[in-house]
Amino acid sequence: MLKRIFLSISLSLLFVPSFAQNTGDLVFFTPEGGSFWVILNGVRQNEQPQTNVRIEGVRGDFYRLKVIFADDEFEAIDKNIMGKRGKVVTYRIRQTGDNDDGSPRYKVQYKTEAPLIRNKVDKDQNVIRHRRAEVEGQQVTITQQTTTHQHHHSSHGHDVHQGDYGMGAHMDGGAHHHSDGSHSTTTTTTTTTTTNVSGTSNTNQDPMPGYKGPTGCKYPMADDQFKDAKRSIEEKSFSDSKLKTAKQVARSNCLKAAQVKSITEVFGFEDTRLSFAKFAYEHTYDAGNYYKVNDAFDFESSIEELNKYIDN
């Protein structure tokens, strides 16, 4: 009996580290800016804006990040980032200057990475389980109030009434009289801004107009995002590294058949091309156009093997 218990505990201890290596965590924080929402691959992670967000259980290593600040004076940030399995990767959101209109300009910068240790979390971090499912129509509504004080003078010492503010603003506080014939007014303007953060593509639009065939995933990558992803693949020095990165891109995103073909052509070896083409099929939006990938191969045997794989 004791031997069985010991064996069970030993197997459990072996299982936990290996499981932990299958996922990683991402941390986003700002020591100087306002609170924000984190959107990964078009899916909003935190329900309420926060200044320190830790996202647990990140599987894919390549993500399209969007940071939207609760204060709409701050411009949203779009960036490609990398997570690592078995690691906690931390990104800092910091101010790097001002925009042309004088508003603060922020950027996301890689800060540190460390081995992942479960249950070891900073007390200031808001921990969130990674959301992977597409959530259509998510919107963030930001309501702000701006108060303006105006001082008016009257040479006769009588009340001066402002007839038309021209903004539909809500008047608050009325008028305060002064012995010198002047008075002040307080104007409060409420502005409500609704921002769509539902994804990389508008869910109300057809991502590929005219295509009516089978689909393998939702909302293919936008062209600018794809260019960044392909550049990251091409910059790798070795074929194995290129293939690993390409699979990370396909796993974490949704590709068009033409994009799969473009990535496949990056590889110099036929067997590597075939390996990626097989892997990417299940991550392709317009699966009915997958015949376009055939043009990336030099040998008919590769095309036949790919078609056989798809048929099965």
C-alpha atoms as a PDB file:
ATOM      1  CA  MET A   1       0.000   0.000   0.000  1.00  0.00           C
ATOM      2  CA  LEU A   2       2.805   2.417   0.942  1.00  0.00           C
ATOM      3  CA  LYS A   3       4.604   1.558  -2.274  1.00  0.00           C
ATOM      4  CA  ARG A   4       1.521   2.528  -4.336  1.00  0.00           C
ATOM      5  CA  ILE A   5       1.181   5.866  -2.505  1.00  0.00           C
ATOM      6  CA  PHE A   6       4.859   6.625  -3.040  1.00  0.00           C
ATOM      7  CA  LEU A   7       4.569   5.784  -6.738  1.00  0.00           C
ATOM      8  CA  SER A   8       1.497   7.998  -7.105  1.00  0.00           C
ATOM      9  CA  ILE A   9       3.225  10.959  -5.456  1.00  0.00           C
ATOM     10  CA  SER A  10       6.321  10.479  -7.594  1.00  0.00           C
ATOM     11  CA  LEU A  11       4.271  10.468 -10.803  1.00  0.00           C
ATOM     12  CA  SER A  12       2.465  13.619  -9.689  1.00  0.00           C
ATOM     13  CA  LEU A  13       5.728  15.425  -9.060  1.00  0.00           C
ATOM     14  CA  LEU A  14       6.966  14.418 -12.489  1.00  0.00           C
ATOM     15  CA  PHE A  15       3.772  15.622 -14.143  1.00  0.00           C
ATOM     16  CA  VAL A  16       3.587  19.111 -12.624  1.00  0.00           C
ATOM     17  CA  PRO A  17       6.852  20.516 -14.031  1.00  0.00           C
ATOM     18  CA  SER A  18       6.156  19.122 -17.506  1.00  0.00           C
ATOM     19  CA  PHE A  19       2.667  20.645 -17.484  1.00  0.00           C
ATOM     20  CA  ALA A  20       4.001  24.007 -16.370  1.00  0.00           C
ATOM     21  CA  GLN A  21       6.349  24.040 -19.348  1.00  0.00           C
ATOM     22  CA  ASN A  22       3.367  23.885 -21.723  1.00  0.00           C
ATOM     23  CA  THR A  23       2.244  27.395 -20.770  1.00  0.00           C
ATOM     24  CA  GLY A  24       3.756  30.700 -19.799  1.00  0.00           C
ATOM     25  CA  ASP A  25       2.672  34.001 -18.280  1.00  0.00           C
ATOM     26  CA  LEU A  26       2.704  37.539 -19.637  1.00  0.00           C
ATOM     27  CA  VAL A  27       2.912  40.595 -17.383  1.00  0.00           C
ATOM     28  CA  PHE A  28       2.100  44.169 -18.445  1.00  0.00           C
ATOM     29  CA  PHE A  29       2.550  47.095 -16.067  1.00  0.00           C
ATOM     30  CA  THR A  30       3.037  50.832 -16.077  1.00  0.00           C
ATOM     31  CA  PRO A  31       4.608  52.799 -13.207  1.00  0.00           C
ATOM     32  CA  GLU A  32       3.699  56.159 -14.699  1.00  0.00           C
ATOM     33  CA  GLY A  33       0.669  55.902 -16.991  1.00  0.00           C
ATOM     34  CA  GLY A  34      -3.007  55.321 -16.421  1.00  0.00           C
ATOM     35  CA  SER A  35      -4.941  52.067 -16.280  1.00  0.00           C
ATOM     36  CA  PHE A  36      -5.416  50.048 -19.456  1.00  0.00           C
ATOM     37  CA  TRP A  37      -7.007  47.054 -21.155  1.00  0.00           C
ATOM     38  CA  VAL A  38      -4.896  44.277 -22.709  1.00  0.00           C
ATOM     39  CA  ILE A  39      -6.078  42.694 -25.975  1.00  0.00           C
ATOM     40  CA  LEU A  40      -4.257  39.596 -27.264  1.00  0.00           C
ATOM     41  CA  ASN A  41      -5.022  38.445 -30.803  1.00  0.00           C
ATOM     42  CA  GLY A  42      -8.229  40.451 -30.722  1.00  0.00           C
ATOM     43  CA  VAL A  43      -9.508  39.094 -27.392  1.00  0.00           C
ATOM     44  CA  ARG A  44      -9.807  41.451 -24.427  1.00  0.00           C
ATOM     45  CA  GLN A  45      -8.191  39.927 -21.346  1.00  0.00           C
ATOM     46  CA  ASN A  46      -9.111  42.178 -18.376  1.00  0.00           C
ATOM     47  CA  GLU A  47     -12.693  43.304 -17.820  1.00  0.00           C
ATOM     48  CA  GLN A  48     -11.698  46.471 -15.950  1.00  0.00           C
ATOM     49  CA  PRO A  49      -8.765  48.765 -16.786  1.00  0.00           C
ATOM     50  CA  GLN A  50      -5.772  48.118 -14.539  1.00  0.00           C
ATOM     51  CA  THR A  51      -2.141  49.202 -14.164  1.00  0.00           C
ATOM     52  CA  ASN A  52      -0.557  45.786 -13.555  1.00  0.00           C
ATOM     53  CA  VAL A  53      -1.938  42.770 -15.414  1.00  0.00           C
ATOM     54  CA  ARG A  54      -0.629  39.198 -15.307  1.00  0.00           C
ATOM     55  CA  ILE A  55      -2.071  36.763 -17.841  1.00  0.00           C
ATOM     56  CA  GLU A  56      -1.638  33.088 -16.943  1.00  0.00           C
ATOM     57  CA  GLY A  57      -1.745  30.057 -19.203  1.00  0.00           C
ATOM     58  CA  VAL A  58      -0.409  31.598 -22.415  1.00  0.00           C
ATOM     59  CA  ARG A  59       0.249  28.798 -24.895  1.00  0.00           C
ATOM     60  CA  GLY A  60       1.043  30.465 -28.210  1.00  0.00           C
ATOM     61  CA  ASP A  61       4.381  32.228 -28.375  1.00  0.00           C
ATOM     62  CA  PHE A  62       3.522  34.886 -30.953  1.00  0.00           C
ATOM     63  CA  TYR A  63       0.813  37.447 -30.216  1.00  0.00           C
ATOM     64  CA  ARG A  64      -0.613  40.648 -31.590  1.00  0.00           C
ATOM     65  CA  LEU A  65      -0.915  42.995 -28.617  1.00  0.00           C
ATOM     66  CA  LYS A  66      -3.147  46.026 -28.348  1.00  0.00           C
ATOM     67  CA  VAL A  67      -3.163  48.256 -25.278  1.00  0.00           C
ATOM     68  CA  ILE A  68      -6.089  50.647 -24.854  1.00  0.00           C
ATOM     69  CA  PHE A  69      -5.886  53.216 -22.066  1.00  0.00           C
ATOM     70  CA  ALA A  70      -8.902  54.161 -19.985  1.00  0.00           C
ATOM     71  CA  ASP A  71      -7.925  57.785 -20.543  1.00  0.00           C
ATOM     72  CA  ASP A  72      -8.567  58.343 -24.237  1.00  0.00           C
ATOM     73  CA  GLU A  73      -6.006  61.155 -24.244  1.00  0.00           C
ATOM     74  CA  PHE A  74      -3.423  58.371 -24.479  1.00  0.00           C
ATOM     75  CA  GLU A  75      -3.089  56.807 -27.911  1.00  0.00           C
ATOM     76  CA  ALA A  76      -3.615  53.020 -28.137  1.00  0.00           C
ATOM     77  CA  ILE A  77      -0.546  50.838 -28.721  1.00  0.00           C
ATOM     78  CA  ASP A  78      -0.276  48.063 -31.336  1.00  0.00           C
ATOM     79  CA  LYS A  79       2.682  45.704 -31.180  1.00  0.00           C
ATOM     80  CA  ASN A  80       3.794  42.136 -31.925  1.00  0.00           C
ATOM     81  CA  ILE A  81       5.136  40.405 -28.811  1.00  0.00           C
ATOM     82  CA  MET A  82       6.552  37.040 -27.854  1.00  0.00           C
ATOM     83  CA  GLY A  83       5.641  34.890 -24.880  1.00  0.00           C
ATOM     84  CA  LYS A  84       7.623  31.848 -23.783  1.00  0.00           C
ATOM     85  CA  ARG A  85       6.434  28.542 -22.411  1.00  0.00           C
ATOM     86  CA  GLY A  86       7.707  27.884 -18.925  1.00  0.00           C
ATOM     87  CA  LYS A  87       8.605  31.579 -18.535  1.00  0.00           C
ATOM     88  CA  VAL A  88       7.137  34.754 -17.085  1.00  0.00           C
ATOM     89  CA  VAL A  89       7.797  37.480 -19.650  1.00  0.00           C
ATOM     90  CA  THR A  90       7.322  41.032 -18.391  1.00  0.00           C
ATOM     91  CA  TYR A  91       6.613  44.087 -20.534  1.00  0.00           C
ATOM     92  CA  ARG A  92       6.687  47.663 -19.279  1.00  0.00           C
ATOM     93  CA  ILE A  93       4.422  50.377 -20.665  1.00  0.00           C
ATOM     94  CA  ARG A  94       6.304  53.664 -20.412  1.00  0.00           C
ATOM     95  CA  GLN A  95       6.102  57.192 -21.734  1.00  0.00           C
ATOM     96  CA  THR A  96       8.658  57.989 -24.446  1.00  0.00           C
ATOM     97  CA  GLY A  97       7.718  61.566 -25.279  1.00  0.00           C
ATOM     98  CA  ASP A  98       4.814  63.535 -26.654  1.00  0.00           C
ATOM     99  CA  ASN A  99       2.794  63.318 -29.853  1.00  0.00           C
ATOM    100  CA  ASP A 100       2.456  66.262 -32.224  1.00  0.00           C
ATOM    101  CA  ASP A 101      -0.720  67.363 -30.465  1.00  0.00           C
ATOM    102  CA  GLY A 102       1.034  67.427 -27.093  1.00  0.00           C
ATOM    103  CA  SER A 103      -0.562  64.242 -25.731  1.00  0.00           C
ATOM    104  CA  PRO A 104       1.717  61.678 -24.029  1.00  0.00           C
ATOM    105  CA  ARG A 105       3.165  58.943 -26.238  1.00  0.00           C
ATOM    106  CA  TYR A 106       3.580  55.470 -24.732  1.00  0.00           C
ATOM    107  CA  LYS A 107       5.222  52.285 -25.947  1.00  0.00           C
ATOM    108  CA  VAL A 108       5.504  48.673 -24.777  1.00  0.00           C
ATOM    109  CA  GLN A 109       9.035  47.543 -23.970  1.00  0.00           C
ATOM    110  CA  TYR A 110      10.390  44.113 -23.098  1.00  0.00           C
ATOM    111  CA  LYS A 111      11.731  44.181 -19.545  1.00  0.00           C
ATOM    112  CA  THR A 112      12.572  40.750 -18.117  1.00  0.00           C
ATOM    113  CA  GLU A 113      11.840  37.068 -18.242  1.00  0.00           C
ATOM    114  CA  ALA A 114      12.137  34.480 -15.497  1.00  0.00           C
ATOM    115  CA  PRO A 115      11.330  30.793 -14.937  1.00  0.00           C
ATOM    116  CA  LEU A 116       7.649  30.245 -14.286  1.00  0.00           C
ATOM    117  CA  ILE A 117       6.859  29.375 -10.661  1.00  0.00           C
ATOM    118  CA  ARG A 118       3.162  28.840 -10.036  1.00  0.00           C
ATOM    119  CA  ASN A 119       1.592  30.551  -7.006  1.00  0.00           C
ATOM    120  CA  LYS A 120       4.429  33.074  -6.902  1.00  0.00           C
ATOM    121  CA  VAL A 121       2.667  36.306  -7.851  1.00  0.00           C
ATOM    122  CA  ASP A 122       3.312  39.950  -7.012  1.00  0.00           C
ATOM    123  CA  LYS A 123       0.651  41.194  -4.607  1.00  0.00           C
ATOM    124  CA  ASP A 124       0.049  44.236  -6.833  1.00  0.00           C
ATOM    125  CA  GLN A 125      -0.688  42.141  -9.921  1.00  0.00           C
ATOM    126  CA  ASN A 126      -4.174  41.463 -11.205  1.00  0.00           C
ATOM    127  CA  VAL A 127      -4.031  37.819 -12.284  1.00  0.00           C
ATOM    128  CA  ILE A 128      -6.176  36.733 -15.240  1.00  0.00           C
ATOM    129  CA  ARG A 129      -6.522  33.398 -16.978  1.00  0.00           C
ATOM    130  CA  HIS A 130      -5.705  33.733 -20.668  1.00  0.00           C
ATOM    131  CA  ARG A 131      -8.817  34.119 -22.827  1.00  0.00           C
ATOM    132  CA  ARG A 132      -8.520  32.437 -26.199  1.00  0.00           C
ATOM    133  CA  ALA A 133     -12.057  32.357 -27.571  1.00  0.00           C
ATOM    134  CA  GLU A 134     -13.150  35.135 -29.906  1.00  0.00           C
ATOM    135  CA  VAL A 135     -15.594  37.477 -28.208  1.00  0.00           C
ATOM    136  CA  GLU A 136     -17.583  39.361 -30.805  1.00  0.00           C
ATOM    137  CA  GLY A 137     -18.691  42.937 -30.359  1.00  0.00           C
ATOM    138  CA  GLN A 138     -16.673  43.725 -27.237  1.00  0.00           C
ATOM    139  CA  GLN A 139     -16.677  47.430 -26.575  1.00  0.00           C
ATOM    140  CA  VAL A 140     -15.035  49.685 -24.044  1.00  0.00           C
ATOM    141  CA  THR A 141     -17.048  52.748 -23.049  1.00  0.00           C
ATOM    142  CA  ILE A 142     -15.063  55.616 -21.564  1.00  0.00           C
ATOM    143  CA  THR A 143     -16.947  58.499 -19.924  1.00  0.00           C
ATOM    144  CA  GLN A 144     -15.083  61.675 -19.044  1.00  0.00           C
ATOM    145  CA  GLN A 145     -16.156  65.010 -17.608  1.00  0.00           C
ATOM    146  CA  THR A 146     -14.415  68.279 -18.381  1.00  0.00           C
ATOM    147  CA  THR A 147     -15.150  71.308 -16.181  1.00  0.00           C
ATOM    148  CA  THR A 148     -14.491  74.838 -17.472  1.00  0.00           C
ATOM    149  CA  HIS A 149     -14.676  77.988 -15.358  1.00  0.00           C
ATOM    150  CA  GLN A 150     -15.464  81.301 -17.079  1.00  0.00           C
ATOM    151  CA  HIS A 151     -15.306  84.772 -15.533  1.00  0.00           C
ATOM    152  CA  HIS A 152     -17.559  87.512 -17.017  1.00  0.00           C
ATOM    153  CA  HIS A 153     -17.496  91.254 -16.411  1.00  0.00           C
ATOM    154  CA  SER A 154     -20.408  93.712 -16.606  1.00  0.00           C
ATOM    155  CA  SER A 155     -19.840  97.461 -16.692  1.00  0.00           C
ATOM    156  CA  HIS A 156     -23.325  98.071 -15.226  1.00  0.00           C
ATOM    157  CA  GLY A 157     -22.990  95.673 -12.368  1.00  0.00           C
ATOM    158  CA  HIS A 158     -25.968  93.589 -13.490  1.00  0.00           C
ATOM    159  CA  ASP A 159     -26.225  89.883 -14.153  1.00  0.00           C
ATOM    160  CA  VAL A 160     -24.838  88.669 -17.453  1.00  0.00           C
ATOM    161  CA  HIS A 161     -26.547  85.553 -18.799  1.00  0.00           C
ATOM    162  CA  GLN A 162     -24.890  83.331 -21.354  1.00  0.00           C
ATOM    163  CA  GLY A 163     -27.585  82.639 -23.945  1.00  0.00           C
ATOM    164  CA  ASP A 164     -26.115  79.829 -26.022  1.00  0.00           C
ATOM    165  CA  TYR A 165     -23.079  77.681 -25.271  1.00  0.00           C
ATOM    166  CA  GLY A 166     -23.310  75.949 -28.647  1.00  0.00           C
ATOM    167  CA  MET A 167     -22.176  72.555 -27.268  1.00  0.00           C
ATOM    168  CA  GLY A 168     -25.238  71.063 -25.602  1.00  0.00           C
ATOM    169  CA  ALA A 169     -23.201  71.219 -22.394  1.00  0.00           C
ATOM    170  CA  HIS A 170     -24.737  70.656 -18.997  1.00  0.00           C
ATOM    171  CA  MET A 171     -24.647  73.766 -16.806  1.00  0.00           C
ATOM    172  CA  ASP A 172     -23.687  73.197 -13.244  1.00  0.00           C
ATOM    173  CA  GLY A 173     -23.385  75.681 -10.433  1.00  0.00           C
ATOM    174  CA  GLY A 174     -25.159  78.702 -11.958  1.00  0.00           C
ATOM    175  CA  ALA A 175     -23.767  82.218 -11.404  1.00  0.00           C
ATOM    176  CA  HIS A 176     -21.931  83.816  -8.509  1.00  0.00           C
ATOM    177  CA  HIS A 177     -22.203  87.625  -8.163  1.00  0.00           C
ATOM    178  CA  HIS A 178     -19.392  89.989  -7.311  1.00  0.00           C
ATOM    179  CA  SER A 179     -19.543  93.546  -6.054  1.00  0.00           C
ATOM    180  CA  ASP A 180     -17.592  94.770  -9.089  1.00  0.00           C
ATOM    181  CA  GLY A 181     -20.403  93.754 -11.469  1.00  0.00           C
ATOM    182  CA  SER A 182     -18.830  90.472 -12.586  1.00  0.00           C
ATOM    183  CA  HIS A 183     -19.858  86.850 -12.246  1.00  0.00           C
ATOM    184  CA  SER A 184     -18.475  83.402 -13.081  1.00  0.00           C
ATOM    185  CA  THR A 185     -20.034  80.333 -14.647  1.00  0.00           C
ATOM    186  CA  THR A 186     -19.035  76.703 -14.436  1.00  0.00           C
ATOM    187  CA  THR A 187     -19.618  74.497 -17.479  1.00  0.00           C
ATOM    188  CA  THR A 188     -19.381  70.710 -17.243  1.00  0.00           C
ATOM    189  CA  THR A 189     -19.160  68.755 -20.488  1.00  0.00           C
ATOM    190  CA  THR A 190     -19.629  64.978 -20.402  1.00  0.00           C
ATOM    191  CA  THR A 191     -18.011  63.020 -23.236  1.00  0.00           C
ATOM    192  CA  THR A 192     -18.687  59.338 -23.849  1.00  0.00           C
ATOM    193  CA  THR A 193     -16.387  57.417 -26.186  1.00  0.00           C
ATOM    194  CA  THR A 194     -17.063  53.831 -27.282  1.00  0.00           C
ATOM    195  CA  THR A 195     -14.122  51.870 -28.664  1.00  0.00           C
ATOM    196  CA  ASN A 196     -14.465  48.522 -30.416  1.00  0.00           C
ATOM    197  CA  VAL A 197     -11.812  46.084 -29.225  1.00  0.00           C
ATOM    198  CA  SER A 198     -13.319  42.890 -30.511  1.00  0.00           C
ATOM    199  CA  GLY A 199     -10.534  41.651 -32.717  1.00  0.00           C
ATOM    200  CA  THR A 200      -8.090  41.964 -35.566  1.00  0.00           C
ATOM    201  CA  SER A 201     -10.991  42.129 -37.990  1.00  0.00           C
ATOM    202  CA  ASN A 202     -14.399  43.756 -37.719  1.00  0.00           C
ATOM    203  CA  THR A 203     -16.823  40.946 -36.954  1.00  0.00           C
ATOM    204  CA  ASN A 204     -19.524  42.662 -39.015  1.00  0.00           C
ATOM    205  CA  GLN A 205     -17.425  42.631 -42.172  1.00  0.00           C
ATOM    206  CA  ASP A 206     -16.624  39.791 -44.526  1.00  0.00           C
ATOM    207  CA  PRO A 207     -12.851  39.180 -44.096  1.00  0.00           C
ATOM    208  CA  MET A 208     -12.615  37.818 -47.660  1.00  0.00           C
ATOM    209  CA  PRO A 209     -15.396  39.234 -49.845  1.00  0.00           C
ATOM    210  CA  GLY A 210     -16.524  36.763 -52.484  1.00  0.00           C
ATOM    211  CA  TYR A 211     -15.105  33.653 -50.788  1.00  0.00           C
ATOM    212  CA  LYS A 212     -17.855  31.113 -50.017  1.00  0.00           C
ATOM    213  CA  GLY A 213     -15.810  27.967 -49.401  1.00  0.00           C
ATOM    214  CA  PRO A 214     -14.970  26.115 -46.173  1.00  0.00           C
ATOM    215  CA  THR A 215     -13.158  27.981 -43.403  1.00  0.00           C
ATOM    216  CA  GLY A 216     -10.701  26.592 -40.901  1.00  0.00           C
ATOM    217  CA  CYS A 217     -10.539  29.494 -38.416  1.00  0.00           C
ATOM    218  CA  LYS A 218     -11.903  32.963 -37.702  1.00  0.00           C
ATOM    219  CA  TYR A 219     -10.685  36.361 -38.899  1.00  0.00           C
ATOM    220  CA  PRO A 220      -7.399  36.033 -40.842  1.00  0.00           C
ATOM    221  CA  MET A 221      -4.410  38.212 -40.019  1.00  0.00           C
ATOM    222  CA  ALA A 222      -4.382  41.724 -41.394  1.00  0.00           C
ATOM    223  CA  ASP A 223      -1.724  42.370 -44.032  1.00  0.00           C
ATOM    224  CA  ASP A 224       0.405  44.641 -41.835  1.00  0.00           C
ATOM    225  CA  GLN A 225       0.379  42.092 -39.008  1.00  0.00           C
ATOM    226  CA  PHE A 226       1.327  39.340 -41.421  1.00  0.00           C
ATOM    227  CA  LYS A 227       4.271  41.335 -42.784  1.00  0.00           C
ATOM    228  CA  ASP A 228       5.644  41.741 -39.251  1.00  0.00           C
ATOM    229  CA  ALA A 229       5.182  38.031 -38.562  1.00  0.00           C
ATOM    230  CA  LYS A 230       6.872  36.961 -41.809  1.00  0.00           C
ATOM    231  CA  ARG A 231       9.777  39.312 -41.155  1.00  0.00           C
ATOM    232  CA  SER A 232      10.261  37.691 -37.757  1.00  0.00           C
ATOM    233  CA  ILE A 233      10.444  34.272 -39.429  1.00  0.00           C
ATOM    234  CA  GLU A 234      12.887  35.415 -42.099  1.00  0.00           C
ATOM    235  CA  GLU A 235      15.235  36.928 -39.528  1.00  0.00           C
ATOM    236  CA  LYS A 236      15.916  33.536 -37.932  1.00  0.00           C
ATOM    237  CA  SER A 237      19.309  32.097 -38.932  1.00  0.00           C
ATOM    238  CA  PHE A 238      18.513  28.381 -39.014  1.00  0.00           C
ATOM    239  CA  SER A 239      15.829  26.392 -40.780  1.00  0.00           C
ATOM    240  CA  ASP A 240      14.655  24.751 -37.548  1.00  0.00           C
ATOM    241  CA  SER A 241      14.259  28.145 -35.882  1.00  0.00           C
ATOM    242  CA  LYS A 242      12.342  29.470 -38.866  1.00  0.00           C
ATOM    243  CA  LEU A 243      10.002  26.480 -38.819  1.00  0.00           C
ATOM    244  CA  LYS A 244       9.407  26.764 -35.084  1.00  0.00           C
ATOM    245  CA  THR A 245       8.579  30.467 -35.359  1.00  0.00           C
ATOM    246  CA  ALA A 246       6.351  29.882 -38.393  1.00  0.00           C
ATOM    247  CA  LYS A 247       4.367  27.255 -36.495  1.00  0.00           C
ATOM    248  CA  GLN A 248       4.037  29.651 -33.556  1.00  0.00           C
ATOM    249  CA  VAL A 249       2.589  32.266 -35.900  1.00  0.00           C
ATOM    250  CA  ALA A 250       0.139  29.800 -37.461  1.00  0.00           C
ATOM    251  CA  ARG A 251      -0.890  28.331 -34.104  1.00  0.00           C
ATOM    252  CA  SER A 252      -1.603  31.723 -32.542  1.00  0.00           C
ATOM    253  CA  ASN A 253      -3.307  33.325 -35.532  1.00  0.00           C
ATOM    254  CA  CYS A 254      -5.530  32.640 -38.505  1.00  0.00           C
ATOM    255  CA  LEU A 255      -3.898  32.714 -41.940  1.00  0.00           C
ATOM    256  CA  LYS A 256      -5.062  33.042 -45.517  1.00  0.00           C
ATOM    257  CA  ALA A 257      -3.973  30.397 -48.029  1.00  0.00           C
ATOM    258  CA  ALA A 258      -1.901  33.019 -49.851  1.00  0.00           C
ATOM    259  CA  GLN A 259      -0.160  33.878 -46.574  1.00  0.00           C
ATOM    260  CA  VAL A 260       0.613  30.206 -45.941  1.00  0.00           C
ATOM    261  CA  LYS A 261       2.138  29.988 -49.431  1.00  0.00           C
ATOM    262  CA  SER A 262       4.230  33.088 -48.753  1.00  0.00           C
ATOM    263  CA  ILE A 263       5.622  31.633 -45.513  1.00  0.00           C
ATOM    264  CA  THR A 264       6.197  28.224 -47.101  1.00  0.00           C
ATOM    265  CA  GLU A 265       8.433  29.828 -49.726  1.00  0.00           C
ATOM    266  CA  VAL A 266      10.716  31.151 -46.969  1.00  0.00           C
ATOM    267  CA  PHE A 267      12.122  27.670 -46.355  1.00  0.00           C
ATOM    268  CA  GLY A 268      14.962  26.368 -48.521  1.00  0.00           C
ATOM    269  CA  PHE A 269      14.282  22.651 -48.059  1.00  0.00           C
ATOM    270  CA  GLU A 270      11.342  20.818 -49.587  1.00  0.00           C
ATOM    271  CA  ASP A 271      10.678  18.657 -46.535  1.00  0.00           C
ATOM    272  CA  THR A 272      10.535  21.757 -44.290  1.00  0.00           C
ATOM    273  CA  ARG A 273       8.073  23.393 -46.670  1.00  0.00           C
ATOM    274  CA  LEU A 274       5.915  20.304 -46.588  1.00  0.00           C
ATOM    275  CA  SER A 275       6.046  20.096 -42.801  1.00  0.00           C
ATOM    276  CA  PHE A 276       4.824  23.658 -42.426  1.00  0.00           C
ATOM    277  CA  ALA A 277       2.151  23.334 -45.121  1.00  0.00           C
ATOM    278  CA  LYS A 278       0.685  20.313 -43.326  1.00  0.00           C
ATOM    279  CA  PHE A 279       0.712  22.087 -39.977  1.00  0.00           C
ATOM    280  CA  ALA A 280      -0.807  25.338 -41.269  1.00  0.00           C
ATOM    281  CA  TYR A 281      -3.798  23.739 -42.997  1.00  0.00           C
ATOM    282  CA  GLU A 282      -5.872  23.614 -39.792  1.00  0.00           C
ATOM    283  CA  HIS A 283      -5.047  27.280 -39.136  1.00  0.00           C
ATOM    284  CA  THR A 284      -6.162  28.599 -42.539  1.00  0.00           C
ATOM    285  CA  TYR A 285      -9.265  30.701 -43.047  1.00  0.00           C
ATOM    286  CA  ASP A 286      -9.966  29.995 -46.740  1.00  0.00           C
ATOM    287  CA  ALA A 287      -9.248  26.275 -46.671  1.00  0.00           C
ATOM    288  CA  GLY A 288     -10.908  25.939 -50.076  1.00  0.00           C
ATOM    289  CA  ASN A 289      -8.071  27.957 -51.595  1.00  0.00           C
ATOM    290  CA  TYR A 290      -5.334  25.759 -50.183  1.00  0.00           C
ATOM    291  CA  TYR A 291      -4.408  24.605 -53.684  1.00  0.00           C
ATOM    292  CA  LYS A 292      -2.501  27.901 -53.944  1.00  0.00           C
ATOM    293  CA  VAL A 293       0.091  26.478 -51.541  1.00  0.00           C
ATOM    294  CA  ASN A 294       1.018  23.882 -54.192  1.00  0.00           C
ATOM    295  CA  ASP A 295       2.963  26.538 -56.089  1.00  0.00           C
ATOM    296  CA  ALA A 296       5.488  26.711 -53.227  1.00  0.00           C
ATOM    297  CA  PHE A 297       6.791  23.198 -53.976  1.00  0.00           C
ATOM    298  CA  ASP A 298       9.379  22.069 -56.512  1.00  0.00           C
ATOM    299  CA  PHE A 299       8.312  18.412 -56.722  1.00  0.00           C
ATOM    300  CA  GLU A 300       5.001  16.813 -57.627  1.00  0.00           C
ATOM    301  CA  SER A 301       5.540  14.207 -54.926  1.00  0.00           C
ATOM    302  CA  SER A 302       5.316  16.942 -52.249  1.00  0.00           C
ATOM    303  CA  ILE A 303       2.007  18.157 -53.677  1.00  0.00           C
ATOM    304  CA  GLU A 304       0.628  14.619 -53.722  1.00  0.00           C
ATOM    305  CA  GLU A 305       1.709  14.021 -50.124  1.00  0.00           C
ATOM    306  CA  LEU A 306       0.115  17.302 -48.997  1.00  0.00           C
ATOM    307  CA  ASN A 307      -3.157  16.491 -50.757  1.00  0.00           C
ATOM    308  CA  LYS A 308      -3.166  13.024 -49.241  1.00  0.00           C
ATOM    309  CA  TYR A 309      -2.650  14.544 -45.794  1.00  0.00           C
ATOM    310  CA  ILE A 310      -5.545  16.950 -46.312  1.00  0.00           C
ATOM    311  CA  ASP A 311      -7.855  14.226 -47.636  1.00  0.00           C
ATOM    312  CA  ASN A 312      -7.192  12.091 -44.586  1.00  0.00           C
END
